[in-house]
PDB file of N, CA and C in Angstrom:
ATOM      1  N   MET A   1     109.795 108.125  98.518  1.00  0.00           N
ATOM      2  CA  MET A   1     109.513 109.139  99.510  1.00  0.00           C
ATOM      3  C   MET A   1     110.718 109.315 100.442  1.00  0.00           C
ATOM      4  N   GLU A   2     111.420 108.236 100.748  1.00  0.00           N
ATOM      5  CA  GLU A   2     112.581 108.339 101.636  1.00  0.00           C
ATOM      6  C   GLU A   2     113.625 109.300 101.074  1.00  0.00           C
ATOM      7  N   LEU A   3     113.832 109.274  99.762  1.00  0.00           N
ATOM      8  CA  LEU A   3     114.775 110.184  99.124  1.00  0.00           C
ATOM      9  C   LEU A   3     114.338 111.634  99.329  1.00  0.00           C
ATOM     10  N   LEU A   4     113.065 111.899  99.186  1.00  0.00           N
ATOM     11  CA  LEU A   4     112.520 113.241  99.412  1.00  0.00           C
ATOM     12  C   LEU A   4     112.794 113.686 100.846  1.00  0.00           C
ATOM     13  N   TYR A   5     112.555 112.816 101.814  1.00  0.00           N
ATOM     14  CA  TYR A   5     112.767 113.167 103.218  1.00  0.00           C
ATOM     15  C   TYR A   5     114.248 113.425 103.510  1.00  0.00           C
ATOM     16  N   ARG A   6     115.134 112.649 102.890  1.00  0.00           N
ATOM     17  CA  ARG A   6     116.568 112.816 103.121  1.00  0.00           C
ATOM     18  C   ARG A   6     117.112 114.091 102.499  1.00  0.00           C
ATOM     19  N   ARG A   7     116.565 114.502 101.367  1.00  0.00           N
ATOM     20  CA  ARG A   7     117.117 115.641 100.628  1.00  0.00           C
ATOM     21  C   ARG A   7     116.420 116.974 100.895  1.00  0.00           C
ATOM     22  N   THR A   8     115.375 116.952 101.685  1.00  0.00           N
ATOM     23  CA  THR A   8     114.650 118.185 102.022  1.00  0.00           C
ATOM     24  C   THR A   8     114.420 118.228 103.524  1.00  0.00           C
ATOM     25  N   ARG A   9     113.803 119.284 103.965  1.00  0.00           N
ATOM     26  CA  ARG A   9     113.428 119.385 105.383  1.00  0.00           C
ATOM     27  C   ARG A   9     112.020 118.858 105.633  1.00  0.00           C
ATOM     28  N   LEU A  10     111.393 118.298 104.617  1.00  0.00           N
ATOM     29  CA  LEU A  10     110.045 117.763 104.787  1.00  0.00           C
ATOM     30  C   LEU A  10     110.090 116.507 105.652  1.00  0.00           C
ATOM     31  N   GLN A  11     109.057 116.338 106.439  1.00  0.00           N
ATOM     32  CA  GLN A  11     108.968 115.212 107.352  1.00  0.00           C
ATOM     33  C   GLN A  11     107.864 114.258 106.910  1.00  0.00           C
ATOM     34  N   PRO A  12     108.042 112.946 107.146  1.00  0.00           N
ATOM     35  CA  PRO A  12     106.959 112.016 106.835  1.00  0.00           C
ATOM     36  C   PRO A  12     105.775 112.269 107.764  1.00  0.00           C
ATOM     37  N   PRO A  13     104.598 111.872 107.343  1.00  0.00           N
ATOM     38  CA  PRO A  13     103.422 112.051 108.198  1.00  0.00           C
ATOM     39  C   PRO A  13     103.587 111.282 109.512  1.00  0.00           C
ATOM     40  N   THR A  14     103.103 111.860 110.607  1.00  0.00           N
ATOM     41  CA  THR A  14     103.190 111.176 111.894  1.00  0.00           C
ATOM     42  C   THR A  14     102.166 110.051 111.999  1.00  0.00           C
ATOM     43  N   HIS A  15     101.082 110.180 111.289  1.00  0.00           N
ATOM     44  CA  HIS A  15     100.088 109.104 111.229  1.00  0.00           C
ATOM     45  C   HIS A  15      99.303 109.248 109.932  1.00  0.00           C
ATOM     46  N   GLY A  16      98.851 108.141 109.437  1.00  0.00           N
ATOM     47  CA  GLY A  16      98.100 108.159 108.184  1.00  0.00           C
ATOM     48  C   GLY A  16      96.620 108.359 108.414  1.00  0.00           C
ATOM     49  N   VAL A  17      96.001 109.049 107.492  1.00  0.00           N
ATOM     50  CA  VAL A  17      94.552 109.240 107.504  1.00  0.00           C
ATOM     51  C   VAL A  17      94.008 108.521 106.277  1.00  0.00           C
ATOM     52  N   LEU A  18      93.059 107.660 106.465  1.00  0.00           N
ATOM     53  CA  LEU A  18      92.500 106.895 105.348  1.00  0.00           C
ATOM     54  C   LEU A  18      91.735 107.827 104.418  1.00  0.00           C
ATOM     55  N   THR A  19      92.105 107.813 103.123  1.00  0.00           N
ATOM     56  CA  THR A  19      91.493 108.734 102.157  1.00  0.00           C
ATOM     57  C   THR A  19      91.021 108.071 100.869  1.00  0.00           C
ATOM     58  N   PHE A  20      91.328 106.805 100.685  1.00  0.00           N
ATOM     59  CA  PHE A  20      91.007 106.152  99.417  1.00  0.00           C
ATOM     60  C   PHE A  20      90.484 104.750  99.648  1.00  0.00           C
ATOM     61  N   PRO A  21      89.438 104.369  98.945  1.00  0.00           N
ATOM     62  CA  PRO A  21      88.550 105.167  98.088  1.00  0.00           C
ATOM     63  C   PRO A  21      87.595 106.009  98.949  1.00  0.00           C
ATOM     64  N   SER A  22      87.103 107.065  98.389  1.00  0.00           N
ATOM     65  CA  SER A  22      86.298 108.013  99.162  1.00  0.00           C
ATOM     66  C   SER A  22      85.020 107.395  99.718  1.00  0.00           C
ATOM     67  N   TRP A  23      84.457 106.421  99.040  1.00  0.00           N
ATOM     68  CA  TRP A  23      83.193 105.832  99.485  1.00  0.00           C
ATOM     69  C   TRP A  23      83.395 104.815 100.603  1.00  0.00           C
ATOM     70  N   ARG A  24      84.620 104.310 100.791  1.00  0.00           N
ATOM     71  CA  ARG A  24      84.923 103.401 101.899  1.00  0.00           C
ATOM     72  C   ARG A  24      86.442 103.404 102.111  1.00  0.00           C
ATOM     73  N   PRO A  25      86.959 104.456 102.741  1.00  0.00           N
ATOM     74  CA  PRO A  25      88.411 104.622 102.855  1.00  0.00           C
ATOM     75  C   PRO A  25      89.089 103.433 103.537  1.00  0.00           C
ATOM     76  N   GLN A  26      90.112 102.904 102.856  1.00  0.00           N
ATOM     77  CA  GLN A  26      90.871 101.771 103.376  1.00  0.00           C
ATOM     78  C   GLN A  26      92.372 101.996 103.282  1.00  0.00           C
ATOM     79  N   ARG A  27      92.795 103.038 102.560  1.00  0.00           N
ATOM     80  CA  ARG A  27      94.219 103.286 102.364  1.00  0.00           C
ATOM     81  C   ARG A  27      94.561 104.746 102.632  1.00  0.00           C
ATOM     82  N   ALA A  28      95.730 104.951 103.218  1.00  0.00           N
ATOM     83  CA  ALA A  28      96.236 106.310 103.478  1.00  0.00           C
ATOM     84  C   ALA A  28      97.268 106.634 102.405  1.00  0.00           C
ATOM     85  N   ILE A  29      96.789 107.101 101.249  1.00  0.00           N
ATOM     86  CA  ILE A  29      97.715 107.362 100.142  1.00  0.00           C
ATOM     87  C   ILE A  29      97.862 108.852  99.831  1.00  0.00           C
ATOM     88  N   ASP A  30      97.201 109.698 100.583  1.00  0.00           N
ATOM     89  CA  ASP A  30      97.319 111.150 100.425  1.00  0.00           C
ATOM     90  C   ASP A  30      97.974 111.699 101.693  1.00  0.00           C
ATOM     91  N   HIS A  31      98.881 112.670 101.528  1.00  0.00           N
ATOM     92  CA  HIS A  31      99.613 113.190 102.671  1.00  0.00           C
ATOM     93  C   HIS A  31      99.809 114.692 102.540  1.00  0.00           C
ATOM     94  N   ILE A  32      99.971 115.332 103.681  1.00  0.00           N
ATOM     95  CA  ILE A  32     100.414 116.715 103.741  1.00  0.00           C
ATOM     96  C   ILE A  32     101.770 116.664 104.432  1.00  0.00           C
ATOM     97  N   LEU A  33     102.814 117.122 103.754  1.00  0.00           N
ATOM     98  CA  LEU A  33     104.154 117.103 104.312  1.00  0.00           C
ATOM     99  C   LEU A  33     104.530 118.493 104.801  1.00  0.00           C
ATOM    100  N   VAL A  34     105.151 118.562 105.971  1.00  0.00           N
ATOM    101  CA  VAL A  34     105.559 119.838 106.538  1.00  0.00           C
ATOM    102  C   VAL A  34     107.003 119.729 107.030  1.00  0.00           C
ATOM    103  N   THR A  35     107.605 120.870 107.340  1.00  0.00           N
ATOM    104  CA  THR A  35     108.937 120.872 107.930  1.00  0.00           C
ATOM    105  C   THR A  35     108.815 120.683 109.437  1.00  0.00           C
ATOM    106  N   GLY A  36     109.923 120.341 110.064  1.00  0.00           N
ATOM    107  CA  GLY A  36     109.929 120.101 111.502  1.00  0.00           C
ATOM    108  C   GLY A  36     109.606 121.328 112.338  1.00  0.00           C
ATOM    109  N   ALA A  37     109.678 122.531 111.770  1.00  0.00           N
ATOM    110  CA  ALA A  37     109.391 123.755 112.509  1.00  0.00           C
ATOM    111  C   ALA A  37     107.900 123.937 112.779  1.00  0.00           C
ATOM    112  N   LEU A  38     107.055 123.257 112.022  1.00  0.00           N
ATOM    113  CA  LEU A  38     105.609 123.378 112.194  1.00  0.00           C
ATOM    114  C   LEU A  38     105.080 122.208 113.006  1.00  0.00           C
ATOM    115  N   THR A  39     104.047 122.456 113.770  1.00  0.00           N
ATOM    116  CA  THR A  39     103.383 121.366 114.480  1.00  0.00           C
ATOM    117  C   THR A  39     102.031 121.117 113.839  1.00  0.00           C
ATOM    118  N   CYS A  40     101.664 119.869 113.760  1.00  0.00           N
ATOM    119  CA  CYS A  40     100.413 119.477 113.104  1.00  0.00           C
ATOM    120  C   CYS A  40      99.382 119.090 114.148  1.00  0.00           C
ATOM    121  N   HIS A  41      98.191 119.643 113.986  1.00  0.00           N
ATOM    122  CA  HIS A  41      97.074 119.343 114.878  1.00  0.00           C
ATOM    123  C   HIS A  41      95.856 119.005 114.021  1.00  0.00           C
ATOM    124  N   ASP A  42      95.034 118.165 114.529  1.00  0.00           N
ATOM    125  CA  ASP A  42      93.728 117.886 113.916  1.00  0.00           C
ATOM    126  C   ASP A  42      93.822 117.543 112.427  1.00  0.00           C
ATOM    127  N   VAL A  43      94.590 116.516 112.106  1.00  0.00           N
ATOM    128  CA  VAL A  43      94.660 116.033 110.723  1.00  0.00           C
ATOM    129  C   VAL A  43      93.460 115.128 110.501  1.00  0.00           C
ATOM    130  N   ARG A  44      92.700 115.407 109.448  1.00  0.00           N
ATOM    131  CA  ARG A  44      91.513 114.580 109.193  1.00  0.00           C
ATOM    132  C   ARG A  44      91.124 114.600 107.724  1.00  0.00           C
ATOM    133  N   ALA A  45      90.302 113.645 107.367  1.00  0.00           N
ATOM    134  CA  ALA A  45      89.781 113.555 106.002  1.00  0.00           C
ATOM    135  C   ALA A  45      88.416 114.230 105.951  1.00  0.00           C
ATOM    136  N   LEU A  46      88.172 114.914 104.836  1.00  0.00           N
ATOM    137  CA  LEU A  46      86.897 115.600 104.613  1.00  0.00           C
ATOM    138  C   LEU A  46      86.272 115.086 103.327  1.00  0.00           C
ATOM    139  N   PRO A  47      84.966 115.131 103.219  1.00  0.00           N
ATOM    140  CA  PRO A  47      84.323 114.703 101.980  1.00  0.00           C
ATOM    141  C   PRO A  47      84.799 115.525 100.781  1.00  0.00           C
ATOM    142  N   ALA A  48      84.943 114.868  99.676  1.00  0.00           N
ATOM    143  CA  ALA A  48      85.307 115.538  98.417  1.00  0.00           C
ATOM    144  C   ALA A  48      84.212 115.223  97.413  1.00  0.00           C
ATOM    145  N   ALA A  49      83.631 116.228  96.837  1.00  0.00           N
ATOM    146  CA  ALA A  49      82.441 116.073  96.001  1.00  0.00           C
ATOM    147  C   ALA A  49      82.630 115.166  94.792  1.00  0.00           C
ATOM    148  N   LEU A  50      83.624 115.391  93.984  1.00  0.00           N
ATOM    149  CA  LEU A  50      83.740 114.663  92.722  1.00  0.00           C
ATOM    150  C   LEU A  50      85.075 113.938  92.593  1.00  0.00           C
ATOM    151  N   SER A  51      85.500 113.292  93.642  1.00  0.00           N
ATOM    152  CA  SER A  51      86.791 112.619  93.613  1.00  0.00           C
ATOM    153  C   SER A  51      86.687 111.238  94.233  1.00  0.00           C
ATOM    154  N   ASP A  52      87.607 110.356  93.855  1.00  0.00           N
ATOM    155  CA  ASP A  52      87.652 109.043  94.492  1.00  0.00           C
ATOM    156  C   ASP A  52      88.563 109.055  95.715  1.00  0.00           C
ATOM    157  N   HIS A  53      89.111 110.241  96.055  1.00  0.00           N
ATOM    158  CA  HIS A  53      89.899 110.443  97.266  1.00  0.00           C
ATOM    159  C   HIS A  53      89.162 111.421  98.167  1.00  0.00           C
ATOM    160  N   LEU A  54      89.334 111.275  99.475  1.00  0.00           N
ATOM    161  CA  LEU A  54      88.849 112.282 100.407  1.00  0.00           C
ATOM    162  C   LEU A  54      89.882 113.400 100.481  1.00  0.00           C
ATOM    163  N   ALA A  55      89.448 114.593 100.773  1.00  0.00           N
ATOM    164  CA  ALA A  55      90.356 115.723 100.944  1.00  0.00           C
ATOM    165  C   ALA A  55      90.979 115.659 102.333  1.00  0.00           C
ATOM    166  N   LEU A  56      92.214 116.134 102.461  1.00  0.00           N
ATOM    167  CA  LEU A  56      92.871 116.195 103.762  1.00  0.00           C
ATOM    168  C   LEU A  56      92.809 117.611 104.313  1.00  0.00           C
ATOM    169  N   SER A  57      92.604 117.705 105.604  1.00  0.00           N
ATOM    170  CA  SER A  57      92.583 118.985 106.297  1.00  0.00           C
ATOM    171  C   SER A  57      93.569 118.898 107.455  1.00  0.00           C
ATOM    172  N   ILE A  58      94.273 119.996 107.703  1.00  0.00           N
ATOM    173  CA  ILE A  58      95.235 120.020 108.806  1.00  0.00           C
ATOM    174  C   ILE A  58      95.239 121.402 109.440  1.00  0.00           C
ATOM    175  N   GLU A  59      95.398 121.434 110.733  1.00  0.00           N
ATOM    176  CA  GLU A  59      95.599 122.689 111.452  1.00  0.00           C
ATOM    177  C   GLU A  59      97.072 122.740 111.812  1.00  0.00           C
ATOM    178  N   LEU A  60      97.750 123.827 111.420  1.00  0.00           N
ATOM    179  CA  LEU A  60      99.181 123.960 111.652  1.00  0.00           C
ATOM    180  C   LEU A  60      99.473 124.924 112.788  1.00  0.00           C
ATOM    181  N   GLY A  61     100.448 124.557 113.604  1.00  0.00           N
ATOM    182  CA  GLY A  61     100.972 125.459 114.615  1.00  0.00           C
ATOM    183  C   GLY A  61     102.243 126.087 114.062  1.00  0.00           C
ATOM    184  N   ILE A  62     102.286 127.419 114.008  1.00  0.00           N
ATOM    185  CA  ILE A  62     103.427 128.136 113.441  1.00  0.00           C
ATOM    186  C   ILE A  62     104.176 128.812 114.584  1.00  0.00           C
ATOM    187  N   PRO A  63     105.497 128.611 114.664  1.00  0.00           N
ATOM    188  CA  PRO A  63     106.263 129.235 115.745  1.00  0.00           C
ATOM    189  C   PRO A  63     106.163 130.758 115.693  1.00  0.00           C
ATOM    190  N   GLU A  64     106.191 131.370 116.854  1.00  0.00           N
ATOM    191  CA  GLU A  64     106.050 132.830 116.944  1.00  0.00           C
ATOM    192  C   GLU A  64     107.086 133.564 116.104  1.00  0.00           C
ATOM    193  N   HIS A  65     108.337 133.108 116.105  1.00  0.00           N
ATOM    194  CA  HIS A  65     109.381 133.814 115.364  1.00  0.00           C
ATOM    195  C   HIS A  65     109.124 133.813 113.844  1.00  0.00           C
ATOM    196  N   ALA A  66     108.360 132.862 113.353  1.00  0.00           N
ATOM    197  CA  ALA A  66     108.056 132.804 111.919  1.00  0.00           C
ATOM    198  C   ALA A  66     106.980 133.815 111.525  1.00  0.00           C
ATOM    199  N   LEU A  67     106.276 134.353 112.485  1.00  0.00           N
ATOM    200  CA  LEU A  67     105.198 135.303 112.219  1.00  0.00           C
ATOM    201  C   LEU A  67     105.693 136.744 112.119  1.00  0.00           C
ATOM    202  N   ARG A  68     106.952 136.965 112.413  1.00  0.00           N
ATOM    203  CA  ARG A  68     107.488 138.338 112.401  1.00  0.00           C
ATOM    204  C   ARG A  68     108.055 138.701 111.068  1.00  0.00           C
TER     205      ARG A  68
END
């Protein structure tokens, strides 16, 4: 993952959300990676019907200049 962060503008997660196993989450092995231009709010795990991982949900803040 460090190589990915060094060679792209993607940033490591600011905090981990436990997603595995879905029936008793103990590990944060799923991530949503974003660039530094976006701000992340309300990162959380959601139930996933037929998976051994929980789904991740994130609310993103997008800078005004990116909306034009």
